[in-house]
Amino acid sequence: MPAAPLQASPANITLITAQGSTISTASLLTVPLSALPAQTLKVSLSGTLIQITLRQRSTGLYADFDANSTRFLSSVLCQDRTWLVRDAAIGLPGDFLFADTQGQKNPDATALGSRFLLLYRPGWTV
């Protein structure tokens, strides 16, 4: 029997993105991660089962996003407080960003889920 998808939980931090905008924590969910250099997880977000694959390489942490057996984004470089999807036209129901809870370092696998949080913002603003 396949494992049930992970559940995201509300975020409890205030963020200013790399672009300078303030994000309301009430609208963000934390995607549960493990401190592993390569991982794939499935999480139900905004009524869509999204598969996220993370891989640590020498040049940084990279993410792939799939939904409904379709690859929407591949090998996106994960940087601190920088939106990963950035466009509703991609087809995902919202956007993701990593946040360093102890500074402004780009995420790496050694502290995923603790120091480096993957946050999800449902929907898109116009």
PDB file of N, CA and C in Angstrom:
ATOM      1  N   MET A   1       0.848  -1.171   0.000  1.00  0.00           N
ATOM      2  CA  MET A   1       0.000   0.000   0.000  1.00  0.00           C
ATOM      3  C   MET A   1       0.898   1.240   0.000  1.00  0.00           C
ATOM      4  N   PRO A   2       0.650   2.237  -0.918  1.00  0.00           N
ATOM      5  CA  PRO A   2       1.486   3.433  -0.965  1.00  0.00           C
ATOM      6  C   PRO A   2       1.297   4.272   0.295  1.00  0.00           C
ATOM      7  N   ALA A   3       2.360   4.979   0.667  1.00  0.00           N
ATOM      8  CA  ALA A   3       2.299   5.838   1.846  1.00  0.00           C
ATOM      9  C   ALA A   3       1.351   7.000   1.603  1.00  0.00           C
ATOM     10  N   ALA A   4       0.673   7.415   2.675  1.00  0.00           N
ATOM     11  CA  ALA A   4      -0.230   8.558   2.583  1.00  0.00           C
ATOM     12  C   ALA A   4       0.591   9.824   2.383  1.00  0.00           C
ATOM     13  N   PRO A   5       0.042  10.809   1.654  1.00  0.00           N
ATOM     14  CA  PRO A   5       0.782  12.056   1.465  1.00  0.00           C
ATOM     15  C   PRO A   5       1.005  12.767   2.790  1.00  0.00           C
ATOM     16  N   LEU A   6       2.099  13.492   2.877  1.00  0.00           N
ATOM     17  CA  LEU A   6       2.406  14.283   4.057  1.00  0.00           C
ATOM     18  C   LEU A   6       1.440  15.451   4.168  1.00  0.00           C
ATOM     19  N   GLN A   7       1.288  15.956   5.364  1.00  0.00           N
ATOM     20  CA  GLN A   7       0.425  17.117   5.594  1.00  0.00           C
ATOM     21  C   GLN A   7       1.286  18.330   5.927  1.00  0.00           C
ATOM     22  N   ALA A   8       0.981  19.446   5.305  1.00  0.00           N
ATOM     23  CA  ALA A   8       1.675  20.689   5.612  1.00  0.00           C
ATOM     24  C   ALA A   8       1.033  21.318   6.841  1.00  0.00           C
ATOM     25  N   SER A   9       1.810  22.061   7.600  1.00  0.00           N
ATOM     26  CA  SER A   9       1.300  22.721   8.800  1.00  0.00           C
ATOM     27  C   SER A   9       1.508  24.227   8.688  1.00  0.00           C
ATOM     28  N   PRO A  10       0.721  25.019   9.450  1.00  0.00           N
ATOM     29  CA  PRO A  10       0.879  26.473   9.377  1.00  0.00           C
ATOM     30  C   PRO A  10       2.282  26.910   9.810  1.00  0.00           C
ATOM     31  N   ALA A  11       2.797  27.929   9.165  1.00  0.00           N
ATOM     32  CA  ALA A  11       4.113  28.477   9.504  1.00  0.00           C
ATOM     33  C   ALA A  11       3.969  29.461  10.658  1.00  0.00           C
ATOM     34  N   ASN A  12       5.021  29.630  11.436  1.00  0.00           N
ATOM     35  CA  ASN A  12       4.986  30.526  12.584  1.00  0.00           C
ATOM     36  C   ASN A  12       6.096  31.562  12.559  1.00  0.00           C
ATOM     37  N   ILE A  13       6.482  32.036  11.370  1.00  0.00           N
ATOM     38  CA  ILE A  13       7.533  33.036  11.286  1.00  0.00           C
ATOM     39  C   ILE A  13       7.115  34.153  10.331  1.00  0.00           C
ATOM     40  N   THR A  14       7.703  35.316  10.491  1.00  0.00           N
ATOM     41  CA  THR A  14       7.464  36.446   9.604  1.00  0.00           C
ATOM     42  C   THR A  14       8.636  36.543   8.642  1.00  0.00           C
ATOM     43  N   LEU A  15       8.340  36.767   7.362  1.00  0.00           N
ATOM     44  CA  LEU A  15       9.387  36.785   6.346  1.00  0.00           C
ATOM     45  C   LEU A  15       9.371  38.049   5.515  1.00  0.00           C
ATOM     46  N   ILE A  16      10.562  38.454   5.129  1.00  0.00           N
ATOM     47  CA  ILE A  16      10.718  39.456   4.077  1.00  0.00           C
ATOM     48  C   ILE A  16      11.462  38.732   2.971  1.00  0.00           C
ATOM     49  N   THR A  17      10.880  38.661   1.777  1.00  0.00           N
ATOM     50  CA  THR A  17      11.490  37.918   0.680  1.00  0.00           C
ATOM     51  C   THR A  17      12.731  38.628   0.162  1.00  0.00           C
ATOM     52  N   ALA A  18      13.486  37.914  -0.665  1.00  0.00           N
ATOM     53  CA  ALA A  18      14.678  38.498  -1.285  1.00  0.00           C
ATOM     54  C   ALA A  18      14.304  39.710  -2.135  1.00  0.00           C
ATOM     55  N   GLN A  19      13.068  39.767  -2.606  1.00  0.00           N
ATOM     56  CA  GLN A  19      12.611  40.885  -3.415  1.00  0.00           C
ATOM     57  C   GLN A  19      12.114  42.051  -2.565  1.00  0.00           C
ATOM     58  N   GLY A  20      12.097  41.873  -1.209  1.00  0.00           N
ATOM     59  CA  GLY A  20      11.720  42.959  -0.320  1.00  0.00           C
ATOM     60  C   GLY A  20      10.272  42.996   0.108  1.00  0.00           C
ATOM     61  N   SER A  21       9.443  42.053  -0.310  1.00  0.00           N
ATOM     62  CA  SER A  21       8.044  42.057   0.104  1.00  0.00           C
ATOM     63  C   SER A  21       7.867  41.274   1.409  1.00  0.00           C
ATOM     64  N   THR A  22       6.927  41.728   2.240  1.00  0.00           N
ATOM     65  CA  THR A  22       6.620  41.059   3.500  1.00  0.00           C
ATOM     66  C   THR A  22       5.528  40.034   3.250  1.00  0.00           C
ATOM     67  N   ILE A  23       5.689  38.849   3.858  1.00  0.00           N
ATOM     68  CA  ILE A  23       4.736  37.763   3.667  1.00  0.00           C
ATOM     69  C   ILE A  23       3.995  37.520   4.971  1.00  0.00           C
ATOM     70  N   SER A  24       2.680  37.458   4.912  1.00  0.00           N
ATOM     71  CA  SER A  24       1.869  37.140   6.079  1.00  0.00           C
ATOM     72  C   SER A  24       2.018  35.661   6.408  1.00  0.00           C
ATOM     73  N   THR A  25       2.452  35.358   7.634  1.00  0.00           N
ATOM     74  CA  THR A  25       2.640  33.957   8.023  1.00  0.00           C
ATOM     75  C   THR A  25       1.330  33.200   8.088  1.00  0.00           C
ATOM     76  N   ALA A  26       0.217  33.901   8.237  1.00  0.00           N
ATOM     77  CA  ALA A  26      -1.081  33.236   8.296  1.00  0.00           C
ATOM     78  C   ALA A  26      -1.407  32.532   6.987  1.00  0.00           C
ATOM     79  N   SER A  27      -0.790  32.964   5.901  1.00  0.00           N
ATOM     80  CA  SER A  27      -1.101  32.385   4.593  1.00  0.00           C
ATOM     81  C   SER A  27      -0.091  31.334   4.139  1.00  0.00           C
ATOM     82  N   LEU A  28       0.906  31.004   4.988  1.00  0.00           N
ATOM     83  CA  LEU A  28       1.954  30.057   4.608  1.00  0.00           C
ATOM     84  C   LEU A  28       1.808  28.726   5.345  1.00  0.00           C
ATOM     85  N   LEU A  29       2.177  27.663   4.661  1.00  0.00           N
ATOM     86  CA  LEU A  29       2.218  26.333   5.262  1.00  0.00           C
ATOM     87  C   LEU A  29       3.650  25.816   5.189  1.00  0.00           C
ATOM     88  N   THR A  30       4.071  25.077   6.210  1.00  0.00           N
ATOM     89  CA  THR A  30       5.396  24.474   6.221  1.00  0.00           C
ATOM     90  C   THR A  30       5.299  23.054   5.685  1.00  0.00           C
ATOM     91  N   VAL A  31       6.092  22.743   4.669  1.00  0.00           N
ATOM     92  CA  VAL A  31       6.139  21.391   4.099  1.00  0.00           C
ATOM     93  C   VAL A  31       7.179  20.608   4.899  1.00  0.00           C
ATOM     94  N   PRO A  32       6.796  19.460   5.480  1.00  0.00           N
ATOM     95  CA  PRO A  32       7.748  18.699   6.302  1.00  0.00           C
ATOM     96  C   PRO A  32       8.868  18.076   5.472  1.00  0.00           C
ATOM     97  N   LEU A  33      10.113  18.314   5.910  1.00  0.00           N
ATOM     98  CA  LEU A  33      11.295  17.787   5.217  1.00  0.00           C
ATOM     99  C   LEU A  33      12.186  17.052   6.197  1.00  0.00           C
ATOM    100  N   SER A  34      13.053  16.209   5.666  1.00  0.00           N
ATOM    101  CA  SER A  34      14.090  15.533   6.451  1.00  0.00           C
ATOM    102  C   SER A  34      15.446  16.061   6.016  1.00  0.00           C
ATOM    103  N   ALA A  35      16.425  15.973   6.900  1.00  0.00           N
ATOM    104  CA  ALA A  35      17.776  16.439   6.594  1.00  0.00           C
ATOM    105  C   ALA A  35      18.512  15.366   5.799  1.00  0.00           C
ATOM    106  N   LEU A  36      18.089  15.174   4.551  1.00  0.00           N
ATOM    107  CA  LEU A  36      18.669  14.178   3.651  1.00  0.00           C
ATOM    108  C   LEU A  36      19.110  14.869   2.359  1.00  0.00           C
ATOM    109  N   PRO A  37      20.208  14.427   1.739  1.00  0.00           N
ATOM    110  CA  PRO A  37      20.691  15.075   0.517  1.00  0.00           C
ATOM    111  C   PRO A  37      19.853  14.785  -0.727  1.00  0.00           C
ATOM    112  N   ALA A  38      19.041  13.737  -0.675  1.00  0.00           N
ATOM    113  CA  ALA A  38      18.143  13.422  -1.791  1.00  0.00           C
ATOM    114  C   ALA A  38      16.858  12.875  -1.196  1.00  0.00           C
ATOM    115  N   GLN A  39      15.732  13.486  -1.563  1.00  0.00           N
ATOM    116  CA  GLN A  39      14.451  13.021  -1.045  1.00  0.00           C
ATOM    117  C   GLN A  39      13.329  13.384  -1.996  1.00  0.00           C
ATOM    118  N   THR A  40      12.305  12.548  -1.982  1.00  0.00           N
ATOM    119  CA  THR A  40      11.090  12.800  -2.742  1.00  0.00           C
ATOM    120  C   THR A  40       9.928  12.649  -1.782  1.00  0.00           C
ATOM    121  N   LEU A  41       9.033  13.632  -1.790  1.00  0.00           N
ATOM    122  CA  LEU A  41       7.867  13.556  -0.917  1.00  0.00           C
ATOM    123  C   LEU A  41       6.638  13.977  -1.684  1.00  0.00           C
ATOM    124  N   LYS A  42       5.502  13.486  -1.216  1.00  0.00           N
ATOM    125  CA  LYS A  42       4.220  13.873  -1.788  1.00  0.00           C
ATOM    126  C   LYS A  42       3.423  14.556  -0.701  1.00  0.00           C
ATOM    127  N   VAL A  43       2.869  15.710  -1.039  1.00  0.00           N
ATOM    128  CA  VAL A  43       2.106  16.487  -0.075  1.00  0.00           C
ATOM    129  C   VAL A  43       0.865  17.041  -0.776  1.00  0.00           C
ATOM    130  N   SER A  44      -0.254  16.976  -0.078  1.00  0.00           N
ATOM    131  CA  SER A  44      -1.502  17.493  -0.626  1.00  0.00           C
ATOM    132  C   SER A  44      -1.610  18.971  -0.276  1.00  0.00           C
ATOM    133  N   LEU A  45      -1.637  19.815  -1.308  1.00  0.00           N
ATOM    134  CA  LEU A  45      -1.703  21.261  -1.125  1.00  0.00           C
ATOM    135  C   LEU A  45      -2.755  21.842  -2.058  1.00  0.00           C
ATOM    136  N   SER A  46      -3.645  22.638  -1.517  1.00  0.00           N
ATOM    137  CA  SER A  46      -4.704  23.279  -2.308  1.00  0.00           C
ATOM    138  C   SER A  46      -5.480  22.262  -3.147  1.00  0.00           C
ATOM    139  N   GLY A  47      -5.707  21.071  -2.593  1.00  0.00           N
ATOM    140  CA  GLY A  47      -6.465  20.043  -3.290  1.00  0.00           C
ATOM    141  C   GLY A  47      -5.706  19.314  -4.379  1.00  0.00           C
ATOM    142  N   THR A  48      -4.403  19.527  -4.457  1.00  0.00           N
ATOM    143  CA  THR A  48      -3.573  18.887  -5.476  1.00  0.00           C
ATOM    144  C   THR A  48      -2.460  18.102  -4.791  1.00  0.00           C
ATOM    145  N   LEU A  49      -2.244  16.879  -5.230  1.00  0.00           N
ATOM    146  CA  LEU A  49      -1.145  16.077  -4.713  1.00  0.00           C
ATOM    147  C   LEU A  49       0.120  16.473  -5.474  1.00  0.00           C
ATOM    148  N   ILE A  50       1.053  17.097  -4.764  1.00  0.00           N
ATOM    149  CA  ILE A  50       2.279  17.601  -5.378  1.00  0.00           C
ATOM    150  C   ILE A  50       3.446  16.740  -4.920  1.00  0.00           C
ATOM    151  N   GLN A  51       4.261  16.315  -5.874  1.00  0.00           N
ATOM    152  CA  GLN A  51       5.480  15.575  -5.568  1.00  0.00           C
ATOM    153  C   GLN A  51       6.646  16.536  -5.687  1.00  0.00           C
ATOM    154  N   ILE A  52       7.436  16.603  -4.614  1.00  0.00           N
ATOM    155  CA  ILE A  52       8.605  17.480  -4.572  1.00  0.00           C
ATOM    156  C   ILE A  52       9.836  16.599  -4.428  1.00  0.00           C
ATOM    157  N   THR A  53      10.799  16.786  -5.314  1.00  0.00           N
ATOM    158  CA  THR A  53      12.066  16.057  -5.240  1.00  0.00           C
ATOM    159  C   THR A  53      13.163  17.072  -4.987  1.00  0.00           C
ATOM    160  N   LEU A  54      13.953  16.831  -3.945  1.00  0.00           N
ATOM    161  CA  LEU A  54      15.068  17.711  -3.599  1.00  0.00           C
ATOM    162  C   LEU A  54      16.366  16.940  -3.737  1.00  0.00           C
ATOM    163  N   ARG A  55      17.387  17.595  -4.310  1.00  0.00           N
ATOM    164  CA  ARG A  55      18.708  16.984  -4.473  1.00  0.00           C
ATOM    165  C   ARG A  55      19.779  18.010  -4.128  1.00  0.00           C
ATOM    166  N   GLN A  56      20.669  17.618  -3.232  1.00  0.00           N
ATOM    167  CA  GLN A  56      21.806  18.467  -2.903  1.00  0.00           C
ATOM    168  C   GLN A  56      22.927  18.168  -3.886  1.00  0.00           C
ATOM    169  N   ARG A  57      23.443  19.197  -4.526  1.00  0.00           N
ATOM    170  CA  ARG A  57      24.595  19.080  -5.420  1.00  0.00           C
ATOM    171  C   ARG A  57      25.678  20.011  -4.907  1.00  0.00           C
ATOM    172  N   SER A  58      26.849  19.944  -5.477  1.00  0.00           N
ATOM    173  CA  SER A  58      27.945  20.812  -5.024  1.00  0.00           C
ATOM    174  C   SER A  58      27.632  22.290  -5.260  1.00  0.00           C
ATOM    175  N   THR A  59      26.730  22.589  -6.188  1.00  0.00           N
ATOM    176  CA  THR A  59      26.388  23.971  -6.515  1.00  0.00           C
ATOM    177  C   THR A  59      25.142  24.473  -5.796  1.00  0.00           C
ATOM    178  N   GLY A  60      24.530  23.643  -4.946  1.00  0.00           N
ATOM    179  CA  GLY A  60      23.347  24.071  -4.201  1.00  0.00           C
ATOM    180  C   GLY A  60      22.287  22.988  -4.121  1.00  0.00           C
ATOM    181  N   LEU A  61      21.154  23.358  -3.548  1.00  0.00           N
ATOM    182  CA  LEU A  61      19.995  22.472  -3.428  1.00  0.00           C
ATOM    183  C   LEU A  61      19.055  22.760  -4.595  1.00  0.00           C
ATOM    184  N   TYR A  62      18.569  21.694  -5.239  1.00  0.00           N
ATOM    185  CA  TYR A  62      17.701  21.835  -6.408  1.00  0.00           C
ATOM    186  C   TYR A  62      16.389  21.098  -6.183  1.00  0.00           C
ATOM    187  N   ALA A  63      15.309  21.634  -6.755  1.00  0.00           N
ATOM    188  CA  ALA A  63      13.974  21.068  -6.573  1.00  0.00           C
ATOM    189  C   ALA A  63      13.297  20.790  -7.905  1.00  0.00           C
ATOM    190  N   ASP A  64      12.535  19.684  -7.938  1.00  0.00           N
ATOM    191  CA  ASP A  64      11.629  19.359  -9.044  1.00  0.00           C
ATOM    192  C   ASP A  64      10.214  19.348  -8.470  1.00  0.00           C
ATOM    193  N   PHE A  65       9.239  19.790  -9.256  1.00  0.00           N
ATOM    194  CA  PHE A  65       7.842  19.795  -8.827  1.00  0.00           C
ATOM    195  C   PHE A  65       6.993  19.069  -9.858  1.00  0.00           C
ATOM    196  N   ASP A  66       6.247  18.064  -9.394  1.00  0.00           N
ATOM    197  CA  ASP A  66       5.342  17.296 -10.237  1.00  0.00           C
ATOM    198  C   ASP A  66       3.944  17.315  -9.616  1.00  0.00           C
ATOM    199  N   ALA A  67       2.920  17.251 -10.440  1.00  0.00           N
ATOM    200  CA  ALA A  67       1.538  17.098  -9.980  1.00  0.00           C
ATOM    201  C   ALA A  67       0.783  16.323 -11.051  1.00  0.00           C
ATOM    202  N   ASN A  68      -0.032  15.393 -10.619  1.00  0.00           N
ATOM    203  CA  ASN A  68      -0.827  14.577 -11.545  1.00  0.00           C
ATOM    204  C   ASN A  68       0.054  13.941 -12.623  1.00  0.00           C
ATOM    205  N   SER A  69       1.181  13.388 -12.217  1.00  0.00           N
ATOM    206  CA  SER A  69       2.121  12.693 -13.112  1.00  0.00           C
ATOM    207  C   SER A  69       2.714  13.590 -14.190  1.00  0.00           C
ATOM    208  N   THR A  70       2.715  14.900 -13.974  1.00  0.00           N
ATOM    209  CA  THR A  70       3.276  15.849 -14.927  1.00  0.00           C
ATOM    210  C   THR A  70       4.372  16.663 -14.248  1.00  0.00           C
ATOM    211  N   ARG A  71       5.527  16.774 -14.875  1.00  0.00           N
ATOM    212  CA  ARG A  71       6.618  17.607 -14.357  1.00  0.00           C
ATOM    213  C   ARG A  71       6.309  19.050 -14.716  1.00  0.00           C
ATOM    214  N   PHE A  72       6.224  19.901 -13.698  1.00  0.00           N
ATOM    215  CA  PHE A  72       5.959  21.314 -13.911  1.00  0.00           C
ATOM    216  C   PHE A  72       7.233  22.149 -13.872  1.00  0.00           C
ATOM    217  N   LEU A  73       8.159  21.793 -12.996  1.00  0.00           N
ATOM    218  CA  LEU A  73       9.435  22.493 -12.905  1.00  0.00           C
ATOM    219  C   LEU A  73      10.525  21.476 -12.625  1.00  0.00           C
ATOM    220  N   SER A  74      11.703  21.716 -13.183  1.00  0.00           N
ATOM    221  CA  SER A  74      12.807  20.781 -13.014  1.00  0.00           C
ATOM    222  C   SER A  74      14.088  21.527 -12.671  1.00  0.00           C
ATOM    223  N   SER A  75      14.812  21.028 -11.684  1.00  0.00           N
ATOM    224  CA  SER A  75      16.125  21.557 -11.288  1.00  0.00           C
ATOM    225  C   SER A  75      16.118  23.048 -10.989  1.00  0.00           C
ATOM    226  N   VAL A  76      15.161  23.473 -10.162  1.00  0.00           N
ATOM    227  CA  VAL A  76      15.093  24.865  -9.731  1.00  0.00           C
ATOM    228  C   VAL A  76      16.073  25.052  -8.573  1.00  0.00           C
ATOM    229  N   LEU A  77      16.985  26.011  -8.690  1.00  0.00           N
ATOM    230  CA  LEU A  77      17.932  26.306  -7.626  1.00  0.00           C
ATOM    231  C   LEU A  77      17.177  26.924  -6.451  1.00  0.00           C
ATOM    232  N   CYS A  78      17.344  26.355  -5.266  1.00  0.00           N
ATOM    233  CA  CYS A  78      16.670  26.831  -4.063  1.00  0.00           C
ATOM    234  C   CYS A  78      17.556  27.859  -3.365  1.00  0.00           C
ATOM    235  N   GLN A  79      17.029  29.067  -3.220  1.00  0.00           N
ATOM    236  CA  GLN A  79      17.752  30.142  -2.550  1.00  0.00           C
ATOM    237  C   GLN A  79      16.892  30.680  -1.414  1.00  0.00           C
ATOM    238  N   ASP A  80      17.528  31.255  -0.417  1.00  0.00           N
ATOM    239  CA  ASP A  80      16.811  31.767   0.744  1.00  0.00           C
ATOM    240  C   ASP A  80      15.811  32.851   0.355  1.00  0.00           C
ATOM    241  N   ARG A  81      14.567  32.682   0.808  1.00  0.00           N
ATOM    242  CA  ARG A  81      13.493  33.667   0.660  1.00  0.00           C
ATOM    243  C   ARG A  81      13.236  34.113  -0.772  1.00  0.00           C
ATOM    244  N   THR A  82      13.417  33.188  -1.704  1.00  0.00           N
ATOM    245  CA  THR A  82      13.175  33.467  -3.118  1.00  0.00           C
ATOM    246  C   THR A  82      12.115  32.494  -3.626  1.00  0.00           C
ATOM    247  N   TRP A  83      11.057  33.030  -4.206  1.00  0.00           N
ATOM    248  CA  TRP A  83       9.980  32.175  -4.721  1.00  0.00           C
ATOM    249  C   TRP A  83      10.529  31.237  -5.788  1.00  0.00           C
ATOM    250  N   LEU A  84      10.064  29.994  -5.785  1.00  0.00           N
ATOM    251  CA  LEU A  84      10.569  28.980  -6.710  1.00  0.00           C
ATOM    252  C   LEU A  84       9.728  28.855  -7.978  1.00  0.00           C
ATOM    253  N   VAL A  85       8.416  29.002  -7.878  1.00  0.00           N
ATOM    254  CA  VAL A  85       7.538  28.825  -9.042  1.00  0.00           C
ATOM    255  C   VAL A  85       7.382  30.145  -9.793  1.00  0.00           C
ATOM    256  N   ARG A  86       6.989  31.187  -9.114  1.00  0.00           N
ATOM    257  CA  ARG A  86       6.923  32.575  -9.596  1.00  0.00           C
ATOM    258  C   ARG A  86       5.845  32.903 -10.616  1.00  0.00           C
ATOM    259  N   ASP A  87       5.097  31.929 -11.121  1.00  0.00           N
ATOM    260  CA  ASP A  87       4.130  32.237 -12.174  1.00  0.00           C
ATOM    261  C   ASP A  87       2.976  31.244 -12.150  1.00  0.00           C
ATOM    262  N   ALA A  88       1.755  31.754 -12.058  1.00  0.00           N
ATOM    263  CA  ALA A  88       0.569  30.897 -12.055  1.00  0.00           C
ATOM    264  C   ALA A  88       0.461  30.093 -13.341  1.00  0.00           C
ATOM    265  N   ALA A  89       0.999  30.613 -14.435  1.00  0.00           N
ATOM    266  CA  ALA A  89       0.905  29.937 -15.727  1.00  0.00           C
ATOM    267  C   ALA A  89       1.649  28.598 -15.738  1.00  0.00           C
ATOM    268  N   ILE A  90       2.559  28.375 -14.783  1.00  0.00           N
ATOM    269  CA  ILE A  90       3.270  27.097 -14.697  1.00  0.00           C
ATOM    270  C   ILE A  90       2.274  25.964 -14.478  1.00  0.00           C
ATOM    271  N   GLY A  91       1.192  26.238 -13.720  1.00  0.00           N
ATOM    272  CA  GLY A  91       0.147  25.237 -13.503  1.00  0.00           C
ATOM    273  C   GLY A  91       0.059  24.682 -12.095  1.00  0.00           C
ATOM    274  N   LEU A  92       0.945  25.095 -11.189  1.00  0.00           N
ATOM    275  CA  LEU A  92       0.858  24.664  -9.792  1.00  0.00           C
ATOM    276  C   LEU A  92      -0.107  25.578  -9.037  1.00  0.00           C
ATOM    277  N   PRO A  93      -0.753  25.069  -7.969  1.00  0.00           N
ATOM    278  CA  PRO A  93      -1.785  25.857  -7.282  1.00  0.00           C
ATOM    279  C   PRO A  93      -1.252  26.926  -6.328  1.00  0.00           C
ATOM    280  N   GLY A  94       0.051  27.123  -6.280  1.00  0.00           N
ATOM    281  CA  GLY A  94       0.644  28.123  -5.396  1.00  0.00           C
ATOM    282  C   GLY A  94       2.146  28.157  -5.595  1.00  0.00           C
ATOM    283  N   ASP A  95       2.838  28.819  -4.674  1.00  0.00           N
ATOM    284  CA  ASP A  95       4.282  28.995  -4.806  1.00  0.00           C
ATOM    285  C   ASP A  95       5.006  28.500  -3.556  1.00  0.00           C
ATOM    286  N   PHE A  96       6.291  28.262  -3.688  1.00  0.00           N
ATOM    287  CA  PHE A  96       7.131  27.730  -2.612  1.00  0.00           C
ATOM    288  C   PHE A  96       8.345  28.623  -2.433  1.00  0.00           C
ATOM    289  N   LEU A  97       8.845  28.678  -1.194  1.00  0.00           N
ATOM    290  CA  LEU A  97      10.131  29.299  -0.937  1.00  0.00           C
ATOM    291  C   LEU A  97      10.781  28.634   0.265  1.00  0.00           C
ATOM    292  N   PHE A  98      12.101  28.713   0.318  1.00  0.00           N
ATOM    293  CA  PHE A  98      12.851  28.254   1.478  1.00  0.00           C
ATOM    294  C   PHE A  98      13.147  29.460   2.345  1.00  0.00           C
ATOM    295  N   ALA A  99      13.124  29.262   3.662  1.00  0.00           N
ATOM    296  CA  ALA A  99      13.465  30.323   4.600  1.00  0.00           C
ATOM    297  C   ALA A  99      14.477  29.809   5.605  1.00  0.00           C
ATOM    298  N   ASP A 100      15.548  30.557   5.764  1.00  0.00           N
ATOM    299  CA  ASP A 100      16.557  30.274   6.773  1.00  0.00           C
ATOM    300  C   ASP A 100      16.065  30.903   8.069  1.00  0.00           C
ATOM    301  N   THR A 101      15.808  30.097   9.089  1.00  0.00           N
ATOM    302  CA  THR A 101      15.277  30.602  10.356  1.00  0.00           C
ATOM    303  C   THR A 101      16.358  31.169  11.269  1.00  0.00           C
ATOM    304  N   GLN A 102      17.628  31.059  10.853  1.00  0.00           N
ATOM    305  CA  GLN A 102      18.722  31.537  11.696  1.00  0.00           C
ATOM    306  C   GLN A 102      19.604  32.570  10.990  1.00  0.00           C
ATOM    307  N   GLY A 103      19.196  33.031   9.844  1.00  0.00           N
ATOM    308  CA  GLY A 103      20.006  33.999   9.098  1.00  0.00           C
ATOM    309  C   GLY A 103      19.497  34.145   7.691  1.00  0.00           C
ATOM    310  N   GLN A 104      20.401  34.260   6.738  1.00  0.00           N
ATOM    311  CA  GLN A 104      20.016  34.409   5.338  1.00  0.00           C
ATOM    312  C   GLN A 104      20.901  33.570   4.439  1.00  0.00           C
ATOM    313  N   LYS A 105      21.167  32.350   4.850  1.00  0.00           N
ATOM    314  CA  LYS A 105      21.972  31.421   4.067  1.00  0.00           C
ATOM    315  C   LYS A 105      21.053  30.619   3.138  1.00  0.00           C
ATOM    316  N   ASN A 106      21.558  30.271   1.967  1.00  0.00           N
ATOM    317  CA  ASN A 106      20.786  29.414   1.066  1.00  0.00           C
ATOM    318  C   ASN A 106      20.685  28.024   1.678  1.00  0.00           C
ATOM    319  N   PRO A 107      19.579  27.328   1.424  1.00  0.00           N
ATOM    320  CA  PRO A 107      19.365  26.033   2.071  1.00  0.00           C
ATOM    321  C   PRO A 107      20.359  24.966   1.618  1.00  0.00           C
ATOM    322  N   ASP A 108      20.679  24.076   2.559  1.00  0.00           N
ATOM    323  CA  ASP A 108      21.436  22.882   2.213  1.00  0.00           C
ATOM    324  C   ASP A 108      20.826  21.721   2.997  1.00  0.00           C
ATOM    325  N   ALA A 109      21.112  20.516   2.545  1.00  0.00           N
ATOM    326  CA  ALA A 109      20.451  19.322   3.058  1.00  0.00           C
ATOM    327  C   ALA A 109      20.731  19.049   4.522  1.00  0.00           C
ATOM    328  N   THR A 110      21.828  19.561   5.061  1.00  0.00           N
ATOM    329  CA  THR A 110      22.197  19.227   6.438  1.00  0.00           C
ATOM    330  C   THR A 110      21.198  19.719   7.474  1.00  0.00           C
ATOM    331  N   ALA A 111      20.411  20.743   7.156  1.00  0.00           N
ATOM    332  CA  ALA A 111      19.476  21.298   8.140  1.00  0.00           C
ATOM    333  C   ALA A 111      18.071  21.495   7.570  1.00  0.00           C
ATOM    334  N   LEU A 112      17.692  20.718   6.554  1.00  0.00           N
ATOM    335  CA  LEU A 112      16.338  20.812   6.020  1.00  0.00           C
ATOM    336  C   LEU A 112      15.343  20.394   7.094  1.00  0.00           C
ATOM    337  N   GLY A 113      14.249  21.136   7.196  1.00  0.00           N
ATOM    338  CA  GLY A 113      13.206  20.808   8.160  1.00  0.00           C
ATOM    339  C   GLY A 113      13.437  21.402   9.539  1.00  0.00           C
ATOM    340  N   SER A 114      14.638  21.911   9.799  1.00  0.00           N
ATOM    341  CA  SER A 114      14.907  22.556  11.088  1.00  0.00           C
ATOM    342  C   SER A 114      15.311  24.013  10.823  1.00  0.00           C
ATOM    343  N   ARG A 115      16.547  24.242  10.433  1.00  0.00           N
ATOM    344  CA  ARG A 115      16.983  25.603  10.109  1.00  0.00           C
ATOM    345  C   ARG A 115      16.347  26.092   8.810  1.00  0.00           C
ATOM    346  N   PHE A 116      16.295  25.234   7.792  1.00  0.00           N
ATOM    347  CA  PHE A 116      15.757  25.612   6.485  1.00  0.00           C
ATOM    348  C   PHE A 116      14.368  25.022   6.309  1.00  0.00           C
ATOM    349  N   LEU A 117      13.371  25.898   6.239  1.00  0.00           N
ATOM    350  CA  LEU A 117      11.986  25.472   6.090  1.00  0.00           C
ATOM    351  C   LEU A 117      11.530  25.680   4.651  1.00  0.00           C
ATOM    352  N   LEU A 118      10.765  24.721   4.136  1.00  0.00           N
ATOM    353  CA  LEU A 118      10.119  24.881   2.832  1.00  0.00           C
ATOM    354  C   LEU A 118       8.695  25.340   3.103  1.00  0.00           C
ATOM    355  N   LEU A 119       8.367  26.531   2.618  1.00  0.00           N
ATOM    356  CA  LEU A 119       7.059  27.131   2.865  1.00  0.00           C
ATOM    357  C   LEU A 119       6.251  27.186   1.580  1.00  0.00           C
ATOM    358  N   TYR A 120       4.932  27.044   1.743  1.00  0.00           N
ATOM    359  CA  TYR A 120       4.005  27.039   0.605  1.00  0.00           C
ATOM    360  C   TYR A 120       2.988  28.159   0.790  1.00  0.00           C
ATOM    361  N   ARG A 121       2.773  28.921  -0.284  1.00  0.00           N
ATOM    362  CA  ARG A 121       1.741  29.958  -0.308  1.00  0.00           C
ATOM    363  C   ARG A 121       0.655  29.520  -1.295  1.00  0.00           C
ATOM    364  N   PRO A 122      -0.549  29.214  -0.793  1.00  0.00           N
ATOM    365  CA  PRO A 122      -1.612  28.796  -1.701  1.00  0.00           C
ATOM    366  C   PRO A 122      -2.115  29.975  -2.547  1.00  0.00           C
ATOM    367  N   GLY A 123      -2.511  29.644  -3.763  1.00  0.00           N
ATOM    368  CA  GLY A 123      -3.103  30.636  -4.646  1.00  0.00           C
ATOM    369  C   GLY A 123      -2.109  31.616  -5.214  1.00  0.00           C
ATOM    370  N   TRP A 124      -2.646  32.541  -5.991  1.00  0.00           N
ATOM    371  CA  TRP A 124      -1.818  33.537  -6.679  1.00  0.00           C
ATOM    372  C   TRP A 124      -2.452  34.899  -6.525  1.00  0.00           C
ATOM    373  N   THR A 125      -1.645  35.922  -6.320  1.00  0.00           N
ATOM    374  CA  THR A 125      -2.135  37.283  -6.272  1.00  0.00           C
ATOM    375  C   THR A 125      -1.956  37.910  -7.644  1.00  0.00           C
ATOM    376  N   VAL A 126      -2.839  38.788  -7.985  1.00  0.00           N
ATOM    377  CA  VAL A 126      -2.793  39.398  -9.296  1.00  0.00           C
ATOM    378  C   VAL A 126      -2.123  40.748  -9.265  1.00  0.00           C
TER     379      VAL A 126
END
